[in-house]
Amino acid sequence: MASMFWKYFQENMNEIGLDVPEHYYTQFTTAMGLYGGITGVIWQVGGGASVRLIFSRAALQGETSAVVGAMGLCYYSGAIVGSLAVASGRTLSGGHTIAEGIDAIKWMAGLDPDVKTVLRTHPEIMNRNHPGRKTFAKRTGL
C-alpha cells in the first residue's frame, strides 16, 4: 500500500510538471533559508501587504531573489501538499481518481434503490482488484 501511495504521489507531481522531492533534509534547509528571507520582509511591511509591496521592499533591500525563491517554494510546497492529498485519496479508494468517483456517483443516480443499497454495503464490487469481489459474485450467483 505504501508503494502505491508513493507511485500516486510521483504520478501527480510529474503530471503538474514538478520534480519529486528526493532528499528531504537538503530541501528543508533550503526552504528554511528562503522562508527566512520572505518572512523578514513581510515582518517589516506587515502581514496584509500586497505582493507588489513585498517585492518593492525586497528590491530596496537587495533581497529580491530570496523573495522570489520563497514564493516559488510556497508554490512547490502547495503542490506537495496537493499531491499528498491526491495520493492519499487514490490509495484509500483503491486507485480510483476523483473523476472516476464522480462518474460512479452519476451512474448510481439512475440505479434502482435496492442496487444502490447493495453497492453501498459491498463496495468491493466496484474495485476490480479487490479479492472479495469474486467471493461476493460467487455468493450471489453472479
N, C-alpha and C. Protein backbone atom coordinates (compact mmCIF):
# COMPACT_ATOMS: atom_id res chain seq x y z
N MET A 1 0.83 -1.19 0.00
CA MET A 1 0.00 0.00 0.00
C MET A 1 0.87 1.25 0.00
N ALA A 2 1.97 1.23 0.77
CA ALA A 2 2.85 2.40 0.81
C ALA A 2 3.48 2.64 -0.55
N SER A 3 3.83 1.56 -1.26
CA SER A 3 4.44 1.75 -2.57
C SER A 3 3.43 2.35 -3.56
N MET A 4 2.16 1.99 -3.43
CA MET A 4 1.13 2.57 -4.29
C MET A 4 0.96 4.05 -3.97
N PHE A 5 1.03 4.39 -2.68
CA PHE A 5 0.94 5.79 -2.29
C PHE A 5 2.06 6.58 -2.96
N TRP A 6 3.29 6.08 -2.88
CA TRP A 6 4.43 6.78 -3.48
C TRP A 6 4.26 6.87 -4.98
N LYS A 7 3.76 5.82 -5.61
CA LYS A 7 3.53 5.82 -7.06
C LYS A 7 2.52 6.91 -7.43
N TYR A 8 1.41 6.99 -6.71
CA TYR A 8 0.40 8.01 -6.99
C TYR A 8 0.95 9.41 -6.75
N PHE A 9 1.75 9.56 -5.68
CA PHE A 9 2.35 10.85 -5.38
C PHE A 9 3.27 11.28 -6.53
N GLN A 10 4.13 10.37 -6.98
CA GLN A 10 5.04 10.68 -8.09
C GLN A 10 4.27 11.00 -9.37
N GLU A 11 3.23 10.22 -9.66
CA GLU A 11 2.42 10.47 -10.85
C GLU A 11 1.84 11.88 -10.83
N ASN A 12 1.30 12.29 -9.69
CA ASN A 12 0.67 13.60 -9.61
C ASN A 12 1.70 14.72 -9.74
N MET A 13 2.85 14.58 -9.07
CA MET A 13 3.90 15.60 -9.18
C MET A 13 4.39 15.71 -10.63
N ASN A 14 4.57 14.57 -11.29
CA ASN A 14 5.01 14.58 -12.68
C ASN A 14 3.93 15.19 -13.59
N GLU A 15 2.68 14.91 -13.29
CA GLU A 15 1.57 15.42 -14.10
C GLU A 15 1.50 16.96 -14.07
N ILE A 16 1.84 17.56 -12.93
CA ILE A 16 1.83 19.02 -12.85
C ILE A 16 3.18 19.63 -13.20
N GLY A 17 4.12 18.75 -13.62
CA GLY A 17 5.39 19.24 -14.15
C GLY A 17 6.43 19.62 -13.11
N LEU A 18 6.37 19.02 -11.93
CA LEU A 18 7.34 19.33 -10.88
C LEU A 18 8.14 18.10 -10.50
N ASP A 19 9.37 18.34 -10.06
CA ASP A 19 10.23 17.25 -9.62
C ASP A 19 9.72 16.68 -8.31
N VAL A 20 9.90 15.39 -8.16
CA VAL A 20 9.53 14.72 -6.91
C VAL A 20 10.66 14.92 -5.91
N PRO A 21 10.35 15.34 -4.68
CA PRO A 21 11.41 15.54 -3.70
C PRO A 21 12.11 14.22 -3.38
N GLU A 22 13.43 14.26 -3.35
CA GLU A 22 14.21 13.05 -3.09
C GLU A 22 14.92 13.11 -1.74
N HIS A 23 15.56 14.25 -1.45
CA HIS A 23 16.33 14.38 -0.23
C HIS A 23 15.70 15.45 0.64
N TYR A 24 14.99 15.03 1.66
CA TYR A 24 14.20 15.94 2.47
C TYR A 24 15.04 16.91 3.30
N TYR A 25 16.17 16.45 3.83
CA TYR A 25 16.96 17.33 4.68
C TYR A 25 17.50 18.52 3.88
N THR A 26 18.03 18.26 2.69
CA THR A 26 18.56 19.35 1.86
C THR A 26 17.45 20.33 1.52
N GLN A 27 16.30 19.81 1.16
CA GLN A 27 15.19 20.69 0.81
C GLN A 27 14.70 21.47 2.03
N PHE A 28 14.72 20.83 3.18
CA PHE A 28 14.28 21.51 4.39
C PHE A 28 15.18 22.69 4.72
N THR A 29 16.50 22.48 4.66
CA THR A 29 17.42 23.58 4.99
C THR A 29 17.33 24.71 3.97
N THR A 30 17.17 24.37 2.69
CA THR A 30 16.98 25.39 1.65
C THR A 30 15.68 26.16 1.91
N ALA A 31 14.63 25.41 2.23
CA ALA A 31 13.33 26.03 2.49
C ALA A 31 13.40 27.00 3.65
N MET A 32 14.07 26.61 4.71
CA MET A 32 14.16 27.48 5.88
C MET A 32 14.90 28.78 5.55
N GLY A 33 15.94 28.69 4.73
CA GLY A 33 16.66 29.89 4.31
C GLY A 33 15.79 30.82 3.49
N LEU A 34 15.03 30.25 2.57
CA LEU A 34 14.16 31.06 1.72
C LEU A 34 13.00 31.66 2.52
N TYR A 35 12.41 30.85 3.39
CA TYR A 35 11.33 31.36 4.23
C TYR A 35 11.82 32.49 5.12
N GLY A 36 13.07 32.37 5.59
CA GLY A 36 13.64 33.43 6.42
C GLY A 36 13.72 34.74 5.67
N GLY A 37 14.08 34.68 4.37
CA GLY A 37 14.17 35.90 3.55
C GLY A 37 12.83 36.58 3.39
N ILE A 38 11.81 35.82 3.05
CA ILE A 38 10.50 36.43 2.82
C ILE A 38 9.85 36.84 4.15
N THR A 39 10.09 36.07 5.19
CA THR A 39 9.50 36.40 6.48
C THR A 39 10.03 37.73 7.01
N GLY A 40 11.33 37.97 6.80
CA GLY A 40 11.91 39.23 7.24
C GLY A 40 11.28 40.42 6.55
N VAL A 41 11.06 40.31 5.25
CA VAL A 41 10.45 41.41 4.50
C VAL A 41 8.99 41.58 4.91
N ILE A 42 8.25 40.48 5.04
CA ILE A 42 6.84 40.58 5.43
C ILE A 42 6.72 41.16 6.84
N TRP A 43 7.64 40.81 7.72
CA TRP A 43 7.63 41.35 9.07
C TRP A 43 7.76 42.88 9.04
N GLN A 44 8.56 43.40 8.11
CA GLN A 44 8.76 44.84 8.02
C GLN A 44 7.57 45.56 7.42
N VAL A 45 6.95 44.97 6.39
CA VAL A 45 5.86 45.68 5.71
C VAL A 45 4.48 45.35 6.27
N GLY A 46 4.37 44.28 7.05
CA GLY A 46 3.10 43.91 7.64
C GLY A 46 2.46 42.74 6.91
N GLY A 47 1.68 41.98 7.64
CA GLY A 47 1.07 40.76 7.11
C GLY A 47 0.04 41.00 6.02
N GLY A 48 -0.56 42.16 5.98
CA GLY A 48 -1.59 42.43 4.96
C GLY A 48 -1.03 43.07 3.71
N ALA A 49 0.28 43.05 3.55
CA ALA A 49 0.93 43.71 2.42
C ALA A 49 0.65 42.97 1.11
N SER A 50 0.61 43.74 0.04
CA SER A 50 0.44 43.13 -1.28
C SER A 50 1.76 42.54 -1.76
N VAL A 51 1.68 41.66 -2.75
CA VAL A 51 2.88 41.06 -3.32
C VAL A 51 3.75 42.16 -3.93
N ARG A 52 3.11 43.15 -4.53
CA ARG A 52 3.86 44.25 -5.14
C ARG A 52 4.69 45.01 -4.10
N LEU A 53 4.09 45.28 -2.95
CA LEU A 53 4.80 45.98 -1.89
C LEU A 53 5.96 45.12 -1.35
N ILE A 54 5.71 43.85 -1.20
CA ILE A 54 6.76 42.95 -0.72
C ILE A 54 7.94 42.95 -1.69
N PHE A 55 7.65 42.86 -2.99
CA PHE A 55 8.72 42.86 -3.99
C PHE A 55 9.49 44.19 -4.00
N SER A 56 8.76 45.30 -3.92
CA SER A 56 9.45 46.59 -3.95
C SER A 56 10.32 46.78 -2.71
N ARG A 57 9.85 46.37 -1.55
CA ARG A 57 10.66 46.47 -0.33
C ARG A 57 11.86 45.53 -0.42
N ALA A 58 11.66 44.33 -0.95
CA ALA A 58 12.76 43.38 -1.09
C ALA A 58 13.80 43.91 -2.07
N ALA A 59 13.35 44.57 -3.15
CA ALA A 59 14.29 45.13 -4.13
C ALA A 59 15.15 46.22 -3.49
N LEU A 60 14.54 47.05 -2.64
CA LEU A 60 15.29 48.09 -1.96
C LEU A 60 16.35 47.52 -1.02
N GLN A 61 16.05 46.36 -0.47
CA GLN A 61 16.98 45.75 0.48
C GLN A 61 17.90 44.73 -0.19
N GLY A 62 17.77 44.55 -1.50
CA GLY A 62 18.61 43.59 -2.21
C GLY A 62 18.25 42.15 -1.92
N GLU A 63 17.01 41.90 -1.54
CA GLU A 63 16.56 40.53 -1.21
C GLU A 63 15.52 40.01 -2.19
N THR A 64 15.50 40.53 -3.39
CA THR A 64 14.51 40.10 -4.37
C THR A 64 14.61 38.61 -4.65
N SER A 65 15.83 38.11 -4.80
CA SER A 65 15.98 36.68 -5.11
C SER A 65 15.46 35.81 -3.98
N ALA A 66 15.63 36.26 -2.74
CA ALA A 66 15.11 35.48 -1.60
C ALA A 66 13.59 35.45 -1.62
N VAL A 67 12.96 36.58 -1.96
CA VAL A 67 11.50 36.63 -2.01
C VAL A 67 10.97 35.79 -3.17
N VAL A 68 11.61 35.90 -4.34
CA VAL A 68 11.18 35.10 -5.49
C VAL A 68 11.36 33.62 -5.16
N GLY A 69 12.48 33.28 -4.56
CA GLY A 69 12.72 31.89 -4.17
C GLY A 69 11.70 31.39 -3.17
N ALA A 70 11.36 32.23 -2.20
CA ALA A 70 10.38 31.83 -1.19
C ALA A 70 8.99 31.66 -1.79
N MET A 71 8.64 32.53 -2.74
CA MET A 71 7.33 32.38 -3.39
C MET A 71 7.28 31.10 -4.23
N GLY A 72 8.39 30.83 -4.91
CA GLY A 72 8.46 29.57 -5.65
C GLY A 72 8.37 28.38 -4.71
N LEU A 73 9.00 28.51 -3.57
CA LEU A 73 8.94 27.45 -2.57
C LEU A 73 7.52 27.27 -2.04
N CYS A 74 6.80 28.36 -1.87
CA CYS A 74 5.40 28.28 -1.44
C CYS A 74 4.57 27.52 -2.47
N TYR A 75 4.81 27.82 -3.75
CA TYR A 75 4.11 27.12 -4.83
C TYR A 75 4.43 25.63 -4.79
N TYR A 76 5.73 25.31 -4.66
CA TYR A 76 6.17 23.92 -4.63
C TYR A 76 5.62 23.20 -3.41
N SER A 77 5.61 23.88 -2.26
CA SER A 77 5.07 23.27 -1.04
C SER A 77 3.58 22.98 -1.21
N GLY A 78 2.87 23.90 -1.82
CA GLY A 78 1.45 23.68 -2.09
C GLY A 78 1.21 22.50 -3.01
N ALA A 79 2.09 22.36 -4.01
CA ALA A 79 1.99 21.22 -4.93
C ALA A 79 2.25 19.92 -4.20
N ILE A 80 3.19 19.93 -3.27
CA ILE A 80 3.47 18.72 -2.50
C ILE A 80 2.26 18.35 -1.63
N VAL A 81 1.69 19.34 -0.97
CA VAL A 81 0.52 19.08 -0.12
C VAL A 81 -0.64 18.56 -0.98
N GLY A 82 -0.86 19.18 -2.13
CA GLY A 82 -1.91 18.72 -3.03
C GLY A 82 -1.66 17.30 -3.53
N SER A 83 -0.41 17.01 -3.88
CA SER A 83 -0.08 15.67 -4.36
C SER A 83 -0.23 14.63 -3.25
N LEU A 84 0.09 15.03 -2.02
CA LEU A 84 -0.13 14.12 -0.89
C LEU A 84 -1.62 13.82 -0.73
N ALA A 85 -2.45 14.85 -0.90
CA ALA A 85 -3.90 14.65 -0.80
C ALA A 85 -4.41 13.73 -1.91
N VAL A 86 -3.93 13.95 -3.13
CA VAL A 86 -4.34 13.11 -4.26
C VAL A 86 -3.90 11.67 -4.02
N ALA A 87 -2.64 11.49 -3.61
CA ALA A 87 -2.12 10.15 -3.38
C ALA A 87 -2.89 9.45 -2.25
N SER A 88 -3.22 10.20 -1.20
CA SER A 88 -3.99 9.62 -0.11
C SER A 88 -5.36 9.17 -0.59
N GLY A 89 -6.03 10.03 -1.34
CA GLY A 89 -7.35 9.69 -1.85
C GLY A 89 -7.33 8.47 -2.76
N ARG A 90 -6.35 8.43 -3.66
CA ARG A 90 -6.26 7.28 -4.57
C ARG A 90 -5.90 6.00 -3.84
N THR A 91 -5.04 6.11 -2.83
CA THR A 91 -4.67 4.91 -2.07
C THR A 91 -5.87 4.38 -1.30
N LEU A 92 -6.60 5.27 -0.67
CA LEU A 92 -7.77 4.85 0.11
C LEU A 92 -8.91 4.36 -0.76
N SER A 93 -8.98 4.82 -2.01
CA SER A 93 -10.08 4.41 -2.88
C SER A 93 -9.70 3.26 -3.79
N GLY A 94 -8.58 2.64 -3.52
CA GLY A 94 -8.17 1.50 -4.35
C GLY A 94 -7.63 1.92 -5.70
N GLY A 95 -7.13 3.13 -5.81
CA GLY A 95 -6.52 3.59 -7.05
C GLY A 95 -7.43 4.42 -7.95
N HIS A 96 -8.65 4.62 -7.52
CA HIS A 96 -9.58 5.40 -8.34
C HIS A 96 -9.34 6.90 -8.16
N THR A 97 -9.57 7.64 -9.23
CA THR A 97 -9.41 9.08 -9.18
C THR A 97 -10.71 9.74 -8.75
N ILE A 98 -10.65 11.02 -8.45
CA ILE A 98 -11.86 11.77 -8.10
C ILE A 98 -12.83 11.78 -9.28
N ALA A 99 -12.30 11.92 -10.49
CA ALA A 99 -13.16 11.93 -11.68
C ALA A 99 -13.93 10.61 -11.81
N GLU A 100 -13.24 9.51 -11.53
CA GLU A 100 -13.92 8.21 -11.59
C GLU A 100 -15.00 8.12 -10.51
N GLY A 101 -14.73 8.70 -9.35
CA GLY A 101 -15.72 8.71 -8.29
C GLY A 101 -16.96 9.51 -8.67
N ILE A 102 -16.75 10.65 -9.31
CA ILE A 102 -17.87 11.48 -9.76
C ILE A 102 -18.68 10.74 -10.82
N ASP A 103 -17.98 10.08 -11.74
CA ASP A 103 -18.68 9.29 -12.77
C ASP A 103 -19.51 8.18 -12.12
N ALA A 104 -18.96 7.54 -11.09
CA ALA A 104 -19.69 6.48 -10.40
C ALA A 104 -20.94 7.03 -9.72
N ILE A 105 -20.82 8.22 -9.14
CA ILE A 105 -21.98 8.83 -8.48
C ILE A 105 -23.07 9.14 -9.50
N LYS A 106 -22.67 9.68 -10.66
CA LYS A 106 -23.65 9.96 -11.71
C LYS A 106 -24.31 8.67 -12.19
N TRP A 107 -23.51 7.62 -12.34
CA TRP A 107 -24.03 6.34 -12.80
C TRP A 107 -25.01 5.78 -11.78
N MET A 108 -24.65 5.88 -10.47
CA MET A 108 -25.51 5.33 -9.42
C MET A 108 -26.82 6.10 -9.27
N ALA A 109 -26.84 7.35 -9.70
CA ALA A 109 -28.05 8.16 -9.56
C ALA A 109 -29.22 7.56 -10.31
N GLY A 110 -28.94 6.86 -11.41
CA GLY A 110 -30.02 6.26 -12.21
C GLY A 110 -30.34 4.83 -11.84
N LEU A 111 -29.75 4.30 -10.79
CA LEU A 111 -29.96 2.90 -10.42
C LEU A 111 -31.16 2.72 -9.49
N ASP A 112 -31.65 1.51 -9.47
CA ASP A 112 -32.71 1.10 -8.57
C ASP A 112 -32.22 1.24 -7.12
N PRO A 113 -33.07 1.67 -6.18
CA PRO A 113 -32.64 1.83 -4.79
C PRO A 113 -32.05 0.56 -4.16
N ASP A 114 -32.57 -0.61 -4.54
CA ASP A 114 -32.03 -1.85 -3.97
C ASP A 114 -30.61 -2.10 -4.46
N VAL A 115 -30.33 -1.78 -5.70
CA VAL A 115 -28.98 -1.94 -6.24
C VAL A 115 -28.03 -0.97 -5.54
N LYS A 116 -28.49 0.24 -5.31
CA LYS A 116 -27.66 1.22 -4.59
C LYS A 116 -27.31 0.71 -3.19
N THR A 117 -28.28 0.11 -2.51
CA THR A 117 -28.03 -0.43 -1.17
C THR A 117 -26.96 -1.51 -1.21
N VAL A 118 -27.05 -2.40 -2.18
CA VAL A 118 -26.05 -3.48 -2.31
C VAL A 118 -24.67 -2.89 -2.58
N LEU A 119 -24.58 -1.91 -3.47
CA LEU A 119 -23.29 -1.31 -3.81
C LEU A 119 -22.69 -0.56 -2.61
N ARG A 120 -23.54 0.05 -1.81
CA ARG A 120 -23.03 0.76 -0.63
C ARG A 120 -22.54 -0.21 0.44
N THR A 121 -23.24 -1.32 0.61
CA THR A 121 -22.85 -2.27 1.65
C THR A 121 -21.72 -3.19 1.20
N HIS A 122 -21.50 -3.30 -0.11
CA HIS A 122 -20.43 -4.15 -0.64
C HIS A 122 -19.61 -3.38 -1.68
N PRO A 123 -18.81 -2.40 -1.23
CA PRO A 123 -18.05 -1.58 -2.18
C PRO A 123 -16.99 -2.38 -2.95
N GLU A 124 -16.66 -3.59 -2.47
CA GLU A 124 -15.66 -4.39 -3.18
C GLU A 124 -16.13 -4.76 -4.59
N ILE A 125 -17.41 -4.67 -4.85
CA ILE A 125 -17.93 -4.98 -6.18
C ILE A 125 -17.33 -4.03 -7.22
N MET A 126 -17.14 -2.78 -6.84
CA MET A 126 -16.66 -1.77 -7.79
C MET A 126 -15.15 -1.80 -7.99
N ASN A 127 -14.41 -2.43 -7.09
CA ASN A 127 -12.95 -2.47 -7.18
C ASN A 127 -12.52 -3.77 -7.84
N ARG A 128 -12.05 -3.68 -9.07
CA ARG A 128 -11.68 -4.88 -9.82
C ARG A 128 -10.55 -5.66 -9.18
N ASN A 129 -9.70 -5.00 -8.40
CA ASN A 129 -8.55 -5.66 -7.78
C ASN A 129 -8.85 -6.22 -6.39
N HIS A 130 -10.02 -5.98 -5.88
CA HIS A 130 -10.35 -6.42 -4.52
C HIS A 130 -10.61 -7.93 -4.52
N PRO A 131 -9.93 -8.66 -3.62
CA PRO A 131 -10.12 -10.12 -3.60
C PRO A 131 -11.54 -10.53 -3.21
N GLY A 132 -12.26 -9.69 -2.48
CA GLY A 132 -13.62 -10.01 -2.07
C GLY A 132 -14.65 -9.91 -3.19
N ARG A 133 -14.26 -9.34 -4.30
CA ARG A 133 -15.20 -9.16 -5.41
C ARG A 133 -15.67 -10.51 -5.97
N LYS A 134 -14.73 -11.40 -6.20
CA LYS A 134 -15.08 -12.73 -6.74
C LYS A 134 -15.87 -13.53 -5.72
N THR A 135 -15.50 -13.39 -4.44
CA THR A 135 -16.23 -14.10 -3.38
C THR A 135 -17.68 -13.64 -3.34
N PHE A 136 -17.89 -12.33 -3.43
CA PHE A 136 -19.25 -11.79 -3.42
C PHE A 136 -20.03 -12.29 -4.64
N ALA A 137 -19.38 -12.31 -5.80
CA ALA A 137 -20.05 -12.77 -7.02
C ALA A 137 -20.47 -14.25 -6.89
N LYS A 138 -19.59 -15.07 -6.32
CA LYS A 138 -19.93 -16.49 -6.13
C LYS A 138 -21.07 -16.65 -5.15
N ARG A 139 -21.03 -15.83 -4.08
CA ARG A 139 -22.06 -15.91 -3.05
C ARG A 139 -23.43 -15.53 -3.57
N THR A 140 -23.47 -14.57 -4.48
CA THR A 140 -24.75 -14.11 -5.00
C THR A 140 -25.18 -14.85 -6.26
N GLY A 141 -24.29 -15.67 -6.81
CA GLY A 141 -24.63 -16.43 -8.00
C GLY A 141 -24.49 -15.64 -9.28
N LEU A 142 -23.70 -14.55 -9.25
CA LEU A 142 -23.50 -13.74 -10.46
C LEU A 142 -22.46 -14.37 -11.36
